[in-house]
Amino acid sequence: MTKTFEIVYRDPAELIPYEMNAKKHDEQQIRDLAAAIKKRGFDQPITVDKDDVIITGHGRREAALLAGLKSVPVIVRYDLSDEEVKAKRLEDNRLASIDYDAIKLQKELESLVLGDVEVFGFDERELNVLVGSMTEEMDTGALVMDLGEETERQKEEHTEISREVAAEEVRVVDVLGFKTLPAGSAIVVGDLLAHMEEITGESGVDAFVAYAQKVSSGGVEA
């Protein structure tokens, strides 16, 4: 059976937000929605239960308050049980989370932006990407070349930075995290360094670094 509903007008400040509302709106979304309401009016009723607790329209209520509205259209669902109210909240939030048809969205935005009509809810970056891809002919060859040049530039830059870092000296304590050993361990560490020198053919710190590189690359077991 088709249900019919009566639309009444209420002060949005008197409507009660549902404390367990699962759908969240960030501040920018509310500001954008308030701006859209001021520009084009409030024409999507807020739905509440028999106790004036919001079922759908939490974001619209916040935006209406921000826009300074004292009266908004409201649908009161006296016909729903408490369980049905909970189900409707979740259903509406879930079913509203749908994907856009990208091509149709681009065409609609293009006609509005090129007609100098302000569109709320899309930041400048999104509009540039969506509308720009429809209105600009992309030179893919130039794009690939630019990306290749940028990749090569970054590679050279990283190589130069690596050389500069490698040329610097750091304190052993900064790398290993300690600068002293128990006296009883000194002999063991000395034996380890001798083993490193034997394996690598280097001496002192050069043997230590060469051995560490071999261990790191899997060339020798630690």
C-alpha atoms as a PDB file:
ATOM      1  CA  MET A   1       0.000   0.000   0.000  1.00  0.00           C
ATOM      2  CA  THR A   2       1.318   3.429  -0.960  1.00  0.00           C
ATOM      3  CA  LYS A   3       1.907   5.662   2.030  1.00  0.00           C
ATOM      4  CA  THR A   4       1.120   9.364   1.950  1.00  0.00           C
ATOM      5  CA  PHE A   5       2.826  11.879   4.175  1.00  0.00           C
ATOM      6  CA  GLU A   6       2.039  15.352   5.330  1.00  0.00           C
ATOM      7  CA  ILE A   7       4.755  17.974   5.246  1.00  0.00           C
ATOM      8  CA  VAL A   8       4.798  20.341   8.217  1.00  0.00           C
ATOM      9  CA  TYR A   9       7.109  23.245   8.960  1.00  0.00           C
ATOM     10  CA  ARG A  10       9.254  23.267  12.098  1.00  0.00           C
ATOM     11  CA  ASP A  11      12.117  25.221  13.586  1.00  0.00           C
ATOM     12  CA  PRO A  12      15.230  23.097  12.868  1.00  0.00           C
ATOM     13  CA  ALA A  13      16.521  23.952  16.342  1.00  0.00           C
ATOM     14  CA  GLU A  14      13.596  21.990  17.816  1.00  0.00           C
ATOM     15  CA  LEU A  15      14.376  18.798  15.906  1.00  0.00           C
ATOM     16  CA  ILE A  16      16.349  16.232  17.901  1.00  0.00           C
ATOM     17  CA  PRO A  17      19.503  14.677  16.378  1.00  0.00           C
ATOM     18  CA  TYR A  18      19.690  10.898  16.751  1.00  0.00           C
ATOM     19  CA  GLU A  19      22.578  10.213  19.119  1.00  0.00           C
ATOM     20  CA  MET A  20      23.598   7.008  17.319  1.00  0.00           C
ATOM     21  CA  ASN A  21      23.527   8.509  13.829  1.00  0.00           C
ATOM     22  CA  ALA A  22      26.067   6.571  11.763  1.00  0.00           C
ATOM     23  CA  LYS A  23      26.400   9.112   8.973  1.00  0.00           C
ATOM     24  CA  LYS A  24      28.928  11.871   9.609  1.00  0.00           C
ATOM     25  CA  HIS A  25      29.300  15.225   7.884  1.00  0.00           C
ATOM     26  CA  ASP A  26      32.484  17.277   8.030  1.00  0.00           C
ATOM     27  CA  GLU A  27      32.402  21.035   8.557  1.00  0.00           C
ATOM     28  CA  GLN A  28      33.111  21.821   4.902  1.00  0.00           C
ATOM     29  CA  GLN A  29      30.160  19.718   3.759  1.00  0.00           C
ATOM     30  CA  ILE A  30      27.858  21.595   6.132  1.00  0.00           C
ATOM     31  CA  ARG A  31      29.203  24.973   4.945  1.00  0.00           C
ATOM     32  CA  ASP A  32      28.706  23.979   1.309  1.00  0.00           C
ATOM     33  CA  LEU A  33      25.181  22.744   1.985  1.00  0.00           C
ATOM     34  CA  ALA A  34      24.312  25.930   3.898  1.00  0.00           C
ATOM     35  CA  ALA A  35      25.594  28.026   0.989  1.00  0.00           C
ATOM     36  CA  ALA A  36      23.512  25.978  -1.449  1.00  0.00           C
ATOM     37  CA  ILE A  37      20.414  26.404   0.748  1.00  0.00           C
ATOM     38  CA  LYS A  38      20.907  30.168   0.891  1.00  0.00           C
ATOM     39  CA  LYS A  39      21.353  30.285  -2.871  1.00  0.00           C
ATOM     40  CA  ARG A  40      18.581  27.949  -4.003  1.00  0.00           C
ATOM     41  CA  GLY A  41      16.353  27.293  -1.004  1.00  0.00           C
ATOM     42  CA  PHE A  42      15.542  24.345   1.283  1.00  0.00           C
ATOM     43  CA  ASP A  43      13.465  21.827  -0.673  1.00  0.00           C
ATOM     44  CA  GLN A  44      14.410  18.431   0.792  1.00  0.00           C
ATOM     45  CA  PRO A  45      12.319  17.756   3.914  1.00  0.00           C
ATOM     46  CA  ILE A  46      13.917  16.409   7.061  1.00  0.00           C
ATOM     47  CA  THR A  47      12.267  13.180   8.237  1.00  0.00           C
ATOM     48  CA  VAL A  48      11.602  12.625  11.953  1.00  0.00           C
ATOM     49  CA  ASP A  49       9.883   9.986  14.071  1.00  0.00           C
ATOM     50  CA  LYS A  50       6.861  10.542  16.298  1.00  0.00           C
ATOM     51  CA  ASP A  51       9.117  12.064  18.991  1.00  0.00           C
ATOM     52  CA  ASP A  52      10.746  14.554  16.597  1.00  0.00           C
ATOM     53  CA  VAL A  53      14.008  12.578  16.580  1.00  0.00           C
ATOM     54  CA  ILE A  54      15.634  12.845  13.156  1.00  0.00           C
ATOM     55  CA  ILE A  55      15.504   9.790  10.905  1.00  0.00           C
ATOM     56  CA  THR A  56      17.129  11.367   7.851  1.00  0.00           C
ATOM     57  CA  GLY A  57      18.435  14.882   7.361  1.00  0.00           C
ATOM     58  CA  HIS A  58      20.986  15.452  10.133  1.00  0.00           C
ATOM     59  CA  GLY A  59      23.269  17.296   7.727  1.00  0.00           C
ATOM     60  CA  ARG A  60      20.398  19.367   6.335  1.00  0.00           C
ATOM     61  CA  ARG A  61      19.393  20.372   9.863  1.00  0.00           C
ATOM     62  CA  GLU A  62      22.944  21.542  10.674  1.00  0.00           C
ATOM     63  CA  ALA A  63      23.119  23.434   7.387  1.00  0.00           C
ATOM     64  CA  ALA A  64      19.708  25.032   7.984  1.00  0.00           C
ATOM     65  CA  LEU A  65      20.847  26.257  11.395  1.00  0.00           C
ATOM     66  CA  LEU A  66      24.056  27.623   9.881  1.00  0.00           C
ATOM     67  CA  ALA A  67      22.021  29.354   7.177  1.00  0.00           C
ATOM     68  CA  GLY A  68      19.858  30.969   9.863  1.00  0.00           C
ATOM     69  CA  LEU A  69      16.580  29.307   8.870  1.00  0.00           C
ATOM     70  CA  LYS A  70      13.773  29.316  11.446  1.00  0.00           C
ATOM     71  CA  SER A  71      11.381  27.063   9.527  1.00  0.00           C
ATOM     72  CA  VAL A  72      12.068  24.019   7.351  1.00  0.00           C
ATOM     73  CA  PRO A  73       9.853  21.335   5.768  1.00  0.00           C
ATOM     74  CA  VAL A  74       9.577  18.188   7.889  1.00  0.00           C
ATOM     75  CA  ILE A  75       7.934  14.797   7.370  1.00  0.00           C
ATOM     76  CA  VAL A  76       6.780  13.119  10.604  1.00  0.00           C
ATOM     77  CA  ARG A  77       6.655   9.304  10.384  1.00  0.00           C
ATOM     78  CA  TYR A  78       3.982   8.413  12.939  1.00  0.00           C
ATOM     79  CA  ASP A  79       3.422   5.130  11.102  1.00  0.00           C
ATOM     80  CA  LEU A  80       6.830   3.567  11.833  1.00  0.00           C
ATOM     81  CA  SER A  81       7.668   1.439  14.863  1.00  0.00           C
ATOM     82  CA  ASP A  82      10.918   2.039  16.755  1.00  0.00           C
ATOM     83  CA  GLU A  83      12.534  -0.900  14.945  1.00  0.00           C
ATOM     84  CA  GLU A  84      11.360   0.349  11.554  1.00  0.00           C
ATOM     85  CA  VAL A  85      12.752   3.805  12.318  1.00  0.00           C
ATOM     86  CA  LYS A  86      16.177   2.294  13.057  1.00  0.00           C
ATOM     87  CA  ALA A  87      16.014   0.222   9.883  1.00  0.00           C
ATOM     88  CA  LYS A  88      15.067   3.247   7.772  1.00  0.00           C
ATOM     89  CA  ARG A  89      17.990   5.273   9.120  1.00  0.00           C
ATOM     90  CA  LEU A  90      20.452   2.574   8.121  1.00  0.00           C
ATOM     91  CA  GLU A  91      18.748   1.879   4.787  1.00  0.00           C
ATOM     92  CA  ASP A  92      18.707   5.518   3.726  1.00  0.00           C
ATOM     93  CA  ASN A  93      22.334   6.072   4.736  1.00  0.00           C
ATOM     94  CA  ARG A  94      23.442   2.911   2.952  1.00  0.00           C
ATOM     95  CA  LEU A  95      21.388   3.361  -0.206  1.00  0.00           C
ATOM     96  CA  ALA A  96      22.467   6.999  -0.507  1.00  0.00           C
ATOM     97  CA  SER A  97      26.101   5.857  -0.788  1.00  0.00           C
ATOM     98  CA  ILE A  98      26.024   5.193  -4.530  1.00  0.00           C
ATOM     99  CA  ASP A  99      28.588   5.799  -7.251  1.00  0.00           C
ATOM    100  CA  TYR A 100      28.224   8.515  -9.868  1.00  0.00           C
ATOM    101  CA  ASP A 101      28.120   7.951 -13.608  1.00  0.00           C
ATOM    102  CA  ALA A 102      31.403   9.767 -14.256  1.00  0.00           C
ATOM    103  CA  ILE A 103      30.621  10.772 -17.854  1.00  0.00           C
ATOM    104  CA  LYS A 104      27.188  12.176 -17.036  1.00  0.00           C
ATOM    105  CA  LEU A 105      28.595  13.974 -13.985  1.00  0.00           C
ATOM    106  CA  GLN A 106      31.325  15.545 -16.106  1.00  0.00           C
ATOM    107  CA  LYS A 107      28.871  16.727 -18.745  1.00  0.00           C
ATOM    108  CA  GLU A 108      26.530  18.265 -16.178  1.00  0.00           C
ATOM    109  CA  LEU A 109      29.379  20.036 -14.391  1.00  0.00           C
ATOM    110  CA  GLU A 110      30.834  21.241 -17.673  1.00  0.00           C
ATOM    111  CA  SER A 111      27.578  22.901 -18.733  1.00  0.00           C
ATOM    112  CA  LEU A 112      27.218  24.618 -15.357  1.00  0.00           C
ATOM    113  CA  VAL A 113      30.822  25.753 -14.930  1.00  0.00           C
ATOM    114  CA  LEU A 114      31.120  27.010 -18.493  1.00  0.00           C
ATOM    115  CA  GLY A 115      27.830  28.840 -17.951  1.00  0.00           C
ATOM    116  CA  ASP A 116      29.401  30.517 -14.909  1.00  0.00           C
ATOM    117  CA  VAL A 117      26.930  28.898 -12.490  1.00  0.00           C
ATOM    118  CA  GLU A 118      28.331  28.368  -8.994  1.00  0.00           C
ATOM    119  CA  VAL A 119      28.232  24.705  -7.942  1.00  0.00           C
ATOM    120  CA  PHE A 120      28.503  23.913  -4.236  1.00  0.00           C
ATOM    121  CA  GLY A 121      30.035  20.731  -2.825  1.00  0.00           C
ATOM    122  CA  PHE A 122      32.939  20.489  -5.285  1.00  0.00           C
ATOM    123  CA  ASP A 123      36.267  22.107  -4.479  1.00  0.00           C
ATOM    124  CA  GLU A 124      38.386  23.801  -7.153  1.00  0.00           C
ATOM    125  CA  ARG A 125      40.671  20.799  -7.585  1.00  0.00           C
ATOM    126  CA  GLU A 126      37.735  18.443  -8.215  1.00  0.00           C
ATOM    127  CA  LEU A 127      36.197  20.823 -10.738  1.00  0.00           C
ATOM    128  CA  ASN A 128      39.519  21.233 -12.547  1.00  0.00           C
ATOM    129  CA  VAL A 129      39.922  17.464 -12.830  1.00  0.00           C
ATOM    130  CA  LEU A 130      36.324  16.665 -13.782  1.00  0.00           C
ATOM    131  CA  VAL A 131      35.654  19.585 -16.102  1.00  0.00           C
ATOM    132  CA  GLY A 132      39.202  19.938 -17.419  1.00  0.00           C
ATOM    133  CA  SER A 133      39.222  16.366 -18.686  1.00  0.00           C
ATOM    134  CA  MET A 134      36.110  17.162 -20.749  1.00  0.00           C
ATOM    135  CA  THR A 135      37.144  20.546 -22.131  1.00  0.00           C
ATOM    136  CA  GLU A 136      40.852  20.109 -22.765  1.00  0.00           C
ATOM    137  CA  GLU A 137      42.401  17.879 -25.406  1.00  0.00           C
ATOM    138  CA  MET A 138      45.163  15.947 -23.691  1.00  0.00           C
ATOM    139  CA  ASP A 139      48.481  15.502 -25.493  1.00  0.00           C
ATOM    140  CA  THR A 140      49.356  12.033 -24.202  1.00  0.00           C
ATOM    141  CA  GLY A 141      52.728  11.978 -25.962  1.00  0.00           C
ATOM    142  CA  ALA A 142      53.806  15.194 -24.285  1.00  0.00           C
ATOM    143  CA  LEU A 143      52.442  13.922 -20.981  1.00  0.00           C
ATOM    144  CA  VAL A 144      54.505  10.733 -21.157  1.00  0.00           C
ATOM    145  CA  MET A 145      57.598  12.739 -22.107  1.00  0.00           C
ATOM    146  CA  ASP A 146      57.052  15.153 -19.228  1.00  0.00           C
ATOM    147  CA  LEU A 147      56.591  12.286 -16.792  1.00  0.00           C
ATOM    148  CA  GLY A 148      59.739  10.602 -18.082  1.00  0.00           C
ATOM    149  CA  GLU A 149      61.766  13.789 -17.714  1.00  0.00           C
ATOM    150  CA  GLU A 150      60.412  14.379 -14.223  1.00  0.00           C
ATOM    151  CA  THR A 151      61.201  10.790 -13.195  1.00  0.00           C
ATOM    152  CA  GLU A 152      64.768  11.121 -14.489  1.00  0.00           C
ATOM    153  CA  ARG A 153      65.195  14.469 -12.725  1.00  0.00           C
ATOM    154  CA  GLN A 154      64.011  13.011  -9.422  1.00  0.00           C
ATOM    155  CA  LYS A 155      66.272   9.981  -9.877  1.00  0.00           C
ATOM    156  CA  GLU A 156      69.319  12.209 -10.408  1.00  0.00           C
ATOM    157  CA  GLU A 157      68.324  14.362  -7.451  1.00  0.00           C
ATOM    158  CA  HIS A 158      67.979  11.335  -5.160  1.00  0.00           C
ATOM    159  CA  THR A 159      71.318   9.944  -6.368  1.00  0.00           C
ATOM    160  CA  GLU A 160      73.048  13.243  -5.576  1.00  0.00           C
ATOM    161  CA  ILE A 161      71.456  13.374  -2.132  1.00  0.00           C
ATOM    162  CA  SER A 162      72.588   9.797  -1.482  1.00  0.00           C
ATOM    163  CA  ARG A 163      76.158  10.724  -2.435  1.00  0.00           C
ATOM    164  CA  GLU A 164      76.125  13.712  -0.100  1.00  0.00           C
ATOM    165  CA  VAL A 165      74.750  11.659   2.770  1.00  0.00           C
ATOM    166  CA  ALA A 166      77.215   8.844   2.164  1.00  0.00           C
ATOM    167  CA  ALA A 167      80.136  11.299   2.286  1.00  0.00           C
ATOM    168  CA  GLU A 168      79.173  12.551   5.725  1.00  0.00           C
ATOM    169  CA  GLU A 169      80.454  10.950   8.913  1.00  0.00           C
ATOM    170  CA  VAL A 170      78.310   9.986  11.885  1.00  0.00           C
ATOM    171  CA  ARG A 171      79.209   8.851  15.359  1.00  0.00           C
ATOM    172  CA  VAL A 172      79.061   5.106  15.949  1.00  0.00           C
ATOM    173  CA  VAL A 173      76.951   5.718  19.051  1.00  0.00           C
ATOM    174  CA  ASP A 174      74.307   7.401  16.886  1.00  0.00           C
ATOM    175  CA  VAL A 175      74.055   4.283  14.729  1.00  0.00           C
ATOM    176  CA  LEU A 176      74.405   1.497  17.293  1.00  0.00           C
ATOM    177  CA  GLY A 177      72.768   3.269  20.207  1.00  0.00           C
ATOM    178  CA  PHE A 178      75.580   2.667  22.711  1.00  0.00           C
ATOM    179  CA  LYS A 179      79.143   3.888  23.252  1.00  0.00           C
ATOM    180  CA  THR A 180      80.441   1.668  26.052  1.00  0.00           C
ATOM    181  CA  LEU A 181      80.586  -2.076  26.708  1.00  0.00           C
ATOM    182  CA  PRO A 182      81.033  -4.157  29.833  1.00  0.00           C
ATOM    183  CA  ALA A 183      84.708  -4.970  30.237  1.00  0.00           C
ATOM    184  CA  GLY A 184      83.972  -8.675  29.967  1.00  0.00           C
ATOM    185  CA  SER A 185      82.463  -8.186  26.505  1.00  0.00           C
ATOM    186  CA  ALA A 186      85.406  -6.313  25.020  1.00  0.00           C
ATOM    187  CA  ILE A 187      87.249  -9.530  24.108  1.00  0.00           C
ATOM    188  CA  VAL A 188      84.159 -10.954  22.358  1.00  0.00           C
ATOM    189  CA  VAL A 189      83.698  -7.759  20.326  1.00  0.00           C
ATOM    190  CA  GLY A 190      87.401  -7.738  19.474  1.00  0.00           C
ATOM    191  CA  ASP A 191      87.133 -11.314  18.198  1.00  0.00           C
ATOM    192  CA  LEU A 192      84.105 -10.311  16.105  1.00  0.00           C
ATOM    193  CA  LEU A 193      85.997  -7.411  14.508  1.00  0.00           C
ATOM    194  CA  ALA A 194      88.917  -9.724  13.728  1.00  0.00           C
ATOM    195  CA  HIS A 195      86.464 -12.126  12.072  1.00  0.00           C
ATOM    196  CA  MET A 196      85.013  -9.262  10.012  1.00  0.00           C
ATOM    197  CA  GLU A 197      88.484  -8.234   8.845  1.00  0.00           C
ATOM    198  CA  GLU A 198      89.280 -11.805   7.856  1.00  0.00           C
ATOM    199  CA  ILE A 199      86.037 -12.200   5.893  1.00  0.00           C
ATOM    200  CA  THR A 200      86.172  -8.834   4.121  1.00  0.00           C
ATOM    201  CA  GLY A 201      89.884  -8.246   3.701  1.00  0.00           C
ATOM    202  CA  GLU A 202      89.380  -4.761   5.142  1.00  0.00           C
ATOM    203  CA  SER A 203      90.380  -3.348   8.502  1.00  0.00           C
ATOM    204  CA  GLY A 204      88.737  -1.344  11.266  1.00  0.00           C
ATOM    205  CA  VAL A 205      85.600   0.583  10.379  1.00  0.00           C
ATOM    206  CA  ASP A 206      85.915  -0.409   6.700  1.00  0.00           C
ATOM    207  CA  ALA A 207      85.719  -4.079   7.714  1.00  0.00           C
ATOM    208  CA  PHE A 208      82.704  -3.367   9.923  1.00  0.00           C
ATOM    209  CA  VAL A 209      80.815  -1.579   7.113  1.00  0.00           C
ATOM    210  CA  ALA A 210      81.775  -4.143   4.448  1.00  0.00           C
ATOM    211  CA  TYR A 211      80.645  -7.002   6.677  1.00  0.00           C
ATOM    212  CA  ALA A 212      77.371  -5.234   7.473  1.00  0.00           C
ATOM    213  CA  GLN A 213      76.736  -4.771   3.743  1.00  0.00           C
ATOM    214  CA  LYS A 214      77.327  -8.485   3.128  1.00  0.00           C
ATOM    215  CA  VAL A 215      74.903  -9.423   5.898  1.00  0.00           C
ATOM    216  CA  SER A 216      72.317  -6.942   4.614  1.00  0.00           C
ATOM    217  CA  SER A 217      72.519  -8.320   1.070  1.00  0.00           C
ATOM    218  CA  GLY A 218      72.406 -11.929   2.246  1.00  0.00           C
ATOM    219  CA  GLY A 219      75.968 -12.600   1.161  1.00  0.00           C
ATOM    220  CA  VAL A 220      76.977 -13.896   4.582  1.00  0.00           C
ATOM    221  CA  GLU A 221      75.109 -15.115   7.628  1.00  0.00           C
ATOM    222  CA  ALA A 222      75.322 -12.906  10.699  1.00  0.00           C
END
